[in-house]
Amino acid sequence: MFKILKAEQLSANVYLKVVHAPRVAKTCEPGQFIIVRLDEAAERIPLTICDYDREAGTVTIVFQPVGASTFKMVDLKEGDYFADFVGPLGCPSELVTDDFEEVKKKKVLFVAGGVGTAPVYPQVKWLHEHGIDADVIVGAKTKELLIFEEEMKKVAGNLYICTDDGSYGFGGMVTGMIEKLVGEGKQYDLCVAIGPMIMMKFACLTTKKFNIPTIVSMSPIMVDGTGMCGACRVIVGDEVKFACVDGPEFDGHKVDFDQAMKRQTMYKTEEGRALLKYQEGDTQHGRCGNCGGDK
């Protein structure tokens, strides 16, 4: 059992839990995720790690309720428990694993959309703790839906806030802010964009115009978190990848976002899943050999 030490509502539809999970906290890195279950009969829910404290043995998760299980998670209070809190899973951010001397030379721009601000934060924080300042764009539909603004101010080199309705900061999409910064002479060696699928798609189309290599996180399409269900199958270049086992981060300029979004919609229905299995054959899931997907 994993105790919830803090439960907080960050905005109208985003919630935070700080969980006592020493083993996960000891080894996790920015970019990775965990899987939670409310009880032994509950479904598995993959969630990106938002923050961690190795000394305190805590891991912070942030989520937006979209189904029955995540709405039940909203009701969990300080002192309640998760039955399972498994991780760390997935691959850490390349900024953490690449040669540090090369990482120090890079001018990095982060683009966070909505709840995508949560997985962006630990990467920016890690860079800041290692003496590297990065520019950060955070976007939301309205001011009321912004999260982690104050936390991000403490670790970002420069923070640019965008709201779709113009209620706060730059009025417009994050793509408009990317174009504005580049137009003002800013130069970037790498962009990391995390948020809704449609946001990442257009962020990548924008950065491609400026020849800025871009990394995206495909965590929004994960369901099972092990590669067994096939939900997070994505085409990257000419290869089939699974976000939960090969990612969740990939080269955004190689991701087929249109195919991924269409597939995500189809996967929501039983008929759609049956059609995907027929169309994709052996590549429909992660081929673990133990999940029944081979039958």
Foldseek 3Di string as FASTA:
>chain_A
DKFWAAWDDFFPFKIKTKIQAQVALQDDAQFFWKWFAQDPPGATDIFGFQDHDNVRRITMTMDGDDDDRVVVVNPDGGGHDIHDIDDRFFDHDCLVVPDVVVSQPFAEEEEEEQVSVRSVLRVLQVCQVVPHAYEYEYEYQAPRRDGCPVVCVVRHPHYAYEHCCPNDGHHHAVLVVVVVCVVVPDDGQEYEYEDDLVNLLVNLVSVVVVVHWYKYFQVVQDGRLPQALLRQWWFFANDTDGCNHHHRMDGSNRTPSVVNVVLSVLVVDPVSLVVLCVVVPPSSTDPPVPNPSND
